[in-house]
Each structure stands twice: as C-alpha cells, then as structure tokens.
PDB file of all heavy atoms in Angstrom:
ATOM      1  N   VAL A   1      81.404  91.098  56.148  1.00  0.00           N
ATOM      2  CA  VAL A   1      81.066  90.043  55.192  1.00  0.00           C
ATOM      3  C   VAL A   1      80.561  88.803  55.942  1.00  0.00           C
ATOM      4  O   VAL A   1      79.601  88.164  55.571  1.00  0.00           O
ATOM      5  CB  VAL A   1      82.269  89.696  54.301  1.00  0.00           C
ATOM      6  CG1 VAL A   1      82.015  88.446  53.506  1.00  0.00           C
ATOM      7  CG2 VAL A   1      82.565  90.848  53.370  1.00  0.00           C
ATOM      8  N   ALA A   2      81.240  88.496  57.046  1.00  0.00           N
ATOM      9  CA  ALA A   2      80.830  87.324  57.833  1.00  0.00           C
ATOM     10  C   ALA A   2      79.408  87.510  58.395  1.00  0.00           C
ATOM     11  O   ALA A   2      78.579  86.577  58.354  1.00  0.00           O
ATOM     12  CB  ALA A   2      81.829  87.089  58.972  1.00  0.00           C
ATOM     13  N   CYS A   3      79.133  88.706  58.843  1.00  0.00           N
ATOM     14  CA  CYS A   3      77.771  88.956  59.398  1.00  0.00           C
ATOM     15  C   CYS A   3      76.738  88.856  58.276  1.00  0.00           C
ATOM     16  O   CYS A   3      75.680  88.283  58.444  1.00  0.00           O
ATOM     17  CB  CYS A   3      77.713  90.370  60.027  1.00  0.00           C
ATOM     18  SG  CYS A   3      78.725  90.482  61.536  1.00  0.00           S
ATOM     19  N   GLY A   4      77.049  89.469  57.107  1.00  0.00           N
ATOM     20  CA  GLY A   4      76.104  89.359  56.007  1.00  0.00           C
ATOM     21  C   GLY A   4      75.894  87.947  55.527  1.00  0.00           C
ATOM     22  O   GLY A   4      74.812  87.531  55.186  1.00  0.00           O
ATOM     23  N   GLY A   5      76.998  87.128  55.503  1.00  0.00           N
ATOM     24  CA  GLY A   5      76.851  85.755  55.062  1.00  0.00           C
ATOM     25  C   GLY A   5      75.946  84.976  56.029  1.00  0.00           C
ATOM     26  O   GLY A   5      75.147  84.139  55.583  1.00  0.00           O
ATOM     27  N   ASN A   6      76.055  85.157  57.326  1.00  0.00           N
ATOM     28  CA  ASN A   6      75.203  84.472  58.272  1.00  0.00           C
ATOM     29  C   ASN A   6      73.743  84.821  58.027  1.00  0.00           C
ATOM     30  O   ASN A   6      72.844  84.007  58.167  1.00  0.00           O
ATOM     31  CB  ASN A   6      75.585  84.787  59.683  1.00  0.00           C
ATOM     32  CG  ASN A   6      76.930  84.148  60.040  1.00  0.00           C
ATOM     33  OD1 ASN A   6      77.289  83.123  59.443  1.00  0.00           O
ATOM     34  ND2 ASN A   6      77.630  84.736  61.002  1.00  0.00           N
ATOM     35  N   LYS A   7      73.516  86.075  57.650  1.00  0.00           N
ATOM     36  CA  LYS A   7      72.122  86.527  57.466  1.00  0.00           C
ATOM     37  C   LYS A   7      71.477  85.833  56.291  1.00  0.00           C
ATOM     38  O   LYS A   7      70.301  85.509  56.310  1.00  0.00           O
ATOM     39  CB  LYS A   7      72.110  88.034  57.292  1.00  0.00           C
ATOM     40  CG  LYS A   7      70.681  88.574  57.146  1.00  0.00           C
ATOM     41  CD  LYS A   7      70.702  90.109  57.074  1.00  0.00           C
ATOM     42  CE  LYS A   7      69.290  90.635  56.963  1.00  0.00           C
ATOM     43  NZ  LYS A   7      69.278  92.096  56.898  1.00  0.00           N
ATOM     44  N   ASN A   8      72.260  85.598  55.185  1.00  0.00           N
ATOM     45  CA  ASN A   8      71.677  85.013  53.971  1.00  0.00           C
ATOM     46  C   ASN A   8      71.807  83.490  53.932  1.00  0.00           C
ATOM     47  O   ASN A   8      71.414  82.891  52.976  1.00  0.00           O
ATOM     48  CB  ASN A   8      72.376  85.598  52.719  1.00  0.00           C
ATOM     49  CG  ASN A   8      72.113  87.091  52.576  1.00  0.00           C
ATOM     50  OD1 ASN A   8      71.012  87.516  52.903  1.00  0.00           O
ATOM     51  ND2 ASN A   8      73.115  87.844  52.126  1.00  0.00           N
ATOM     52  N   GLN A   9      72.323  82.860  54.945  1.00  0.00           N
ATOM     53  CA  GLN A   9      72.492  81.424  54.947  1.00  0.00           C
ATOM     54  C   GLN A   9      71.137  80.733  54.999  1.00  0.00           C
ATOM     55  O   GLN A   9      70.243  81.110  55.719  1.00  0.00           O
ATOM     56  CB  GLN A   9      73.350  81.027  56.141  1.00  0.00           C
ATOM     57  CG  GLN A   9      73.736  79.561  56.131  1.00  0.00           C
ATOM     58  CD  GLN A   9      74.659  79.233  57.282  1.00  0.00           C
ATOM     59  OE1 GLN A   9      74.879  80.071  58.149  1.00  0.00           O
ATOM     60  NE2 GLN A   9      75.188  78.021  57.322  1.00  0.00           N
ATOM     61  N   MET A  10      70.938  79.646  54.137  1.00  0.00           N
ATOM     62  CA  MET A  10      69.695  78.882  54.094  1.00  0.00           C
ATOM     63  C   MET A  10      69.496  78.119  55.395  1.00  0.00           C
ATOM     64  O   MET A  10      70.446  77.570  55.924  1.00  0.00           O
ATOM     65  CB  MET A  10      69.720  77.886  52.905  1.00  0.00           C
ATOM     66  CG  MET A  10      69.727  78.563  51.570  1.00  0.00           C
ATOM     67  SD  MET A  10      68.217  79.454  51.218  1.00  0.00           S
ATOM     68  CE  MET A  10      67.059  78.104  51.128  1.00  0.00           C
ATOM     69  N   PRO A  11      68.251  78.027  55.872  1.00  0.00           N
ATOM     70  CA  PRO A  11      68.021  77.300  57.096  1.00  0.00           C
ATOM     71  C   PRO A  11      68.190  75.814  56.875  1.00  0.00           C
ATOM     72  O   PRO A  11      68.090  75.322  55.744  1.00  0.00           O
ATOM     73  CB  PRO A  11      66.563  77.609  57.422  1.00  0.00           C
ATOM     74  CG  PRO A  11      65.926  77.951  56.094  1.00  0.00           C
ATOM     75  CD  PRO A  11      67.015  78.634  55.311  1.00  0.00           C
ATOM     76  N   GLU A  12      68.492  75.095  57.893  1.00  0.00           N
ATOM     77  CA  GLU A  12      68.624  73.657  57.789  1.00  0.00           C
ATOM     78  C   GLU A  12      67.305  73.002  57.384  1.00  0.00           C
ATOM     79  O   GLU A  12      66.219  73.496  57.714  1.00  0.00           O
ATOM     80  CB  GLU A  12      69.079  73.079  59.120  1.00  0.00           C
ATOM     81  CG  GLU A  12      70.489  73.500  59.497  1.00  0.00           C
ATOM     82  CD  GLU A  12      70.930  72.873  60.803  1.00  0.00           C
ATOM     83  OE1 GLU A  12      70.158  72.049  61.355  1.00  0.00           O
ATOM     84  OE2 GLU A  12      72.030  73.137  61.298  1.00  0.00           O
ATOM     85  N   ALA A  13      67.399  71.890  56.593  1.00  0.00           N
ATOM     86  CA  ALA A  13      66.189  71.158  56.137  1.00  0.00           C
ATOM     87  C   ALA A  13      65.421  70.627  57.376  1.00  0.00           C
ATOM     88  O   ALA A  13      65.993  70.167  58.324  1.00  0.00           O
ATOM     89  CB  ALA A  13      66.579  70.021  55.218  1.00  0.00           C
ATOM     90  N   SER A  14      64.066  70.742  57.282  1.00  0.00           N
ATOM     91  CA  SER A  14      63.232  70.326  58.364  1.00  0.00           C
ATOM     92  C   SER A  14      63.145  68.787  58.377  1.00  0.00           C
ATOM     93  O   SER A  14      63.131  68.136  57.346  1.00  0.00           O
ATOM     94  CB  SER A  14      61.858  70.917  58.239  1.00  0.00           C
ATOM     95  OG  SER A  14      60.969  70.366  59.213  1.00  0.00           O
ATOM     96  N   ASN A  15      63.051  68.222  59.570  1.00  0.00           N
ATOM     97  CA  ASN A  15      62.919  66.758  59.744  1.00  0.00           C
ATOM     98  C   ASN A  15      61.450  66.416  60.067  1.00  0.00           C
ATOM     99  O   ASN A  15      61.148  65.330  60.468  1.00  0.00           O
ATOM    100  CB  ASN A  15      63.822  66.242  60.838  1.00  0.00           C
ATOM    101  CG  ASN A  15      64.014  64.754  60.742  1.00  0.00           C
ATOM    102  OD1 ASN A  15      64.057  64.174  59.680  1.00  0.00           O
ATOM    103  ND2 ASN A  15      64.114  64.100  61.896  1.00  0.00           N
ATOM    104  N   ASP A  16      60.546  67.412  59.882  1.00  0.00           N
ATOM    105  CA  ASP A  16      59.124  67.173  60.126  1.00  0.00           C
ATOM    106  C   ASP A  16      58.495  66.528  58.902  1.00  0.00           C
ATOM    107  O   ASP A  16      58.628  66.988  57.779  1.00  0.00           O
ATOM    108  CB  ASP A  16      58.433  68.520  60.389  1.00  0.00           C
ATOM    109  CG  ASP A  16      58.915  69.192  61.691  1.00  0.00           C
ATOM    110  OD1 ASP A  16      59.537  68.484  62.502  1.00  0.00           O
ATOM    111  OD2 ASP A  16      58.677  70.390  61.860  1.00  0.00           O
ATOM    112  N   PHE A  17      57.753  65.457  59.179  1.00  0.00           N
ATOM    113  CA  PHE A  17      57.029  64.743  58.108  1.00  0.00           C
ATOM    114  C   PHE A  17      55.623  64.443  58.612  1.00  0.00           C
ATOM    115  O   PHE A  17      55.443  63.931  59.711  1.00  0.00           O
ATOM    116  CB  PHE A  17      57.727  63.426  57.736  1.00  0.00           C
ATOM    117  CG  PHE A  17      58.988  63.616  56.928  1.00  0.00           C
ATOM    118  CD1 PHE A  17      60.220  63.817  57.586  1.00  0.00           C
ATOM    119  CD2 PHE A  17      58.944  63.614  55.537  1.00  0.00           C
ATOM    120  CE1 PHE A  17      61.360  64.011  56.825  1.00  0.00           C
ATOM    121  CE2 PHE A  17      60.099  63.800  54.793  1.00  0.00           C
ATOM    122  CZ  PHE A  17      61.314  64.006  55.428  1.00  0.00           C
ATOM    123  N   PRO A  18      54.631  64.787  57.775  1.00  0.00           N
ATOM    124  CA  PRO A  18      53.230  64.483  58.201  1.00  0.00           C
ATOM    125  C   PRO A  18      53.000  62.973  58.185  1.00  0.00           C
ATOM    126  O   PRO A  18      53.373  62.247  57.276  1.00  0.00           O
ATOM    127  CB  PRO A  18      52.393  65.174  57.106  1.00  0.00           C
ATOM    128  CG  PRO A  18      53.288  65.336  55.926  1.00  0.00           C
ATOM    129  CD  PRO A  18      54.647  65.483  56.490  1.00  0.00           C
ATOM    130  N   VAL A  19      52.351  62.547  59.274  1.00  0.00           N
ATOM    131  CA  VAL A  19      52.105  61.110  59.494  1.00  0.00           C
ATOM    132  C   VAL A  19      50.601  60.944  59.798  1.00  0.00           C
ATOM    133  O   VAL A  19      50.010  61.760  60.467  1.00  0.00           O
ATOM    134  CB  VAL A  19      52.982  60.585  60.639  1.00  0.00           C
ATOM    135  CG1 VAL A  19      52.569  59.173  61.020  1.00  0.00           C
ATOM    136  CG2 VAL A  19      54.430  60.641  60.284  1.00  0.00           C
ATOM    137  N   MET A  20      50.018  59.842  59.286  1.00  0.00           N
ATOM    138  CA  MET A  20      48.645  59.550  59.611  1.00  0.00           C
ATOM    139  C   MET A  20      48.532  58.129  60.122  1.00  0.00           C
ATOM    140  O   MET A  20      49.308  57.242  59.733  1.00  0.00           O
ATOM    141  CB  MET A  20      47.742  59.719  58.380  1.00  0.00           C
ATOM    142  CG  MET A  20      47.934  58.727  57.257  1.00  0.00           C
ATOM    143  SD  MET A  20      46.800  58.924  55.843  1.00  0.00           S
ATOM    144  CE  MET A  20      45.254  58.508  56.670  1.00  0.00           C
ATOM    145  N   THR A  21      47.544  57.893  61.000  1.00  0.00           N
ATOM    146  CA  THR A  21      47.258  56.574  61.509  1.00  0.00           C
ATOM    147  C   THR A  21      46.105  55.997  60.704  1.00  0.00           C
ATOM    148  O   THR A  21      45.046  56.603  60.586  1.00  0.00           O
ATOM    149  CB  THR A  21      46.878  56.648  62.996  1.00  0.00           C
ATOM    150  OG1 THR A  21      47.961  57.236  63.750  1.00  0.00           O
ATOM    151  CG2 THR A  21      46.602  55.249  63.556  1.00  0.00           C
ATOM    152  N   LEU A  22      46.295  54.803  60.170  1.00  0.00           N
ATOM    153  CA  LEU A  22      45.316  54.196  59.278  1.00  0.00           C
ATOM    154  C   LEU A  22      44.111  53.666  60.068  1.00  0.00           C
ATOM    155  O   LEU A  22      44.269  53.161  61.162  1.00  0.00           O
ATOM    156  CB  LEU A  22      45.953  53.053  58.455  1.00  0.00           C
ATOM    157  CG  LEU A  22      47.130  53.491  57.599  1.00  0.00           C
ATOM    158  CD1 LEU A  22      47.707  52.263  56.888  1.00  0.00           C
ATOM    159  CD2 LEU A  22      46.713  54.531  56.565  1.00  0.00           C
ATOM    160  N   GLN A  23      42.947  53.778  59.454  1.00  0.00           N
ATOM    161  CA  GLN A  23      41.715  53.265  60.020  1.00  0.00           C
ATOM    162  C   GLN A  23      40.908  52.552  58.972  1.00  0.00           C
ATOM    163  O   GLN A  23      41.029  52.813  57.778  1.00  0.00           O
ATOM    164  CB  GLN A  23      40.892  54.417  60.618  1.00  0.00           C
ATOM    165  CG  GLN A  23      41.567  55.161  61.765  1.00  0.00           C
ATOM    166  CD  GLN A  23      40.723  56.291  62.288  1.00  0.00           C
ATOM    167  OE1 GLN A  23      39.743  56.727  61.620  1.00  0.00           O
ATOM    168  NE2 GLN A  23      41.069  56.809  63.477  1.00  0.00           N
ATOM    169  N   GLN A  24      40.049  51.635  59.418  1.00  0.00           N
ATOM    170  CA  GLN A  24      39.156  50.985  58.464  1.00  0.00           C
ATOM    171  C   GLN A  24      38.021  51.926  58.065  1.00  0.00           C
ATOM    172  O   GLN A  24      37.507  52.695  58.868  1.00  0.00           O
ATOM    173  CB  GLN A  24      38.561  49.697  59.073  1.00  0.00           C
ATOM    174  CG  GLN A  24      39.513  48.520  59.082  1.00  0.00           C
ATOM    175  CD  GLN A  24      38.818  47.217  59.432  1.00  0.00           C
ATOM    176  OE1 GLN A  24      37.762  47.243  60.067  1.00  0.00           O
ATOM    177  NE2 GLN A  24      39.392  46.085  59.070  1.00  0.00           N
ATOM    178  N   SER A  25      37.644  51.837  56.768  1.00  0.00           N
ATOM    179  CA  SER A  25      36.580  52.669  56.318  1.00  0.00           C
ATOM    180  C   SER A  25      35.925  51.964  55.099  1.00  0.00           C
ATOM    181  O   SER A  25      36.280  50.863  54.742  1.00  0.00           O
ATOM    182  CB  SER A  25      37.097  54.061  55.893  1.00  0.00           C
ATOM    183  OG  SER A  25      38.086  53.946  54.882  1.00  0.00           O
ATOM    184  N   GLU A  26      34.984  52.629  54.477  1.00  0.00           N
ATOM    185  CA  GLU A  26      34.353  52.115  53.242  1.00  0.00           C
ATOM    186  C   GLU A  26      34.289  53.258  52.201  1.00  0.00           C
ATOM    187  O   GLU A  26      34.252  54.414  52.570  1.00  0.00           O
ATOM    188  CB  GLU A  26      32.970  51.519  53.510  1.00  0.00           C
ATOM    189  CG  GLU A  26      31.954  52.481  54.050  1.00  0.00           C
ATOM    190  CD  GLU A  26      30.626  51.777  54.325  1.00  0.00           C
ATOM    191  OE1 GLU A  26      30.543  50.956  55.244  1.00  0.00           O
ATOM    192  OE2 GLU A  26      29.714  52.022  53.532  1.00  0.00           O
ATOM    193  N   THR A  27      34.287  52.815  50.955  1.00  0.00           N
ATOM    194  CA  THR A  27      34.285  53.823  49.892  1.00  0.00           C
ATOM    195  C   THR A  27      33.715  53.235  48.627  1.00  0.00           C
ATOM    196  O   THR A  27      33.677  52.027  48.423  1.00  0.00           O
ATOM    197  CB  THR A  27      35.747  54.335  49.624  1.00  0.00           C
ATOM    198  OG1 THR A  27      35.738  55.365  48.642  1.00  0.00           O
ATOM    199  CG2 THR A  27      36.608  53.181  49.117  1.00  0.00           C
TER     200      THR A  27
END
C-alpha cells in the first residue's frame, strides 16, 4: 500500500513563472 501510495502522489506545485522584460514600442 505504501509503495502504491507513493506512485499516485501528486507532484509538488511548480515555482516556475513566465517573466518578460518590458520594452518601448508603438501600436
């Protein structure tokens, strides 16, 4: 049971966040 529980455990939430560097433009 312990082995099966480890297999189905949800992965930890990712701390990756997309980031962009702002630039001047026209639109």
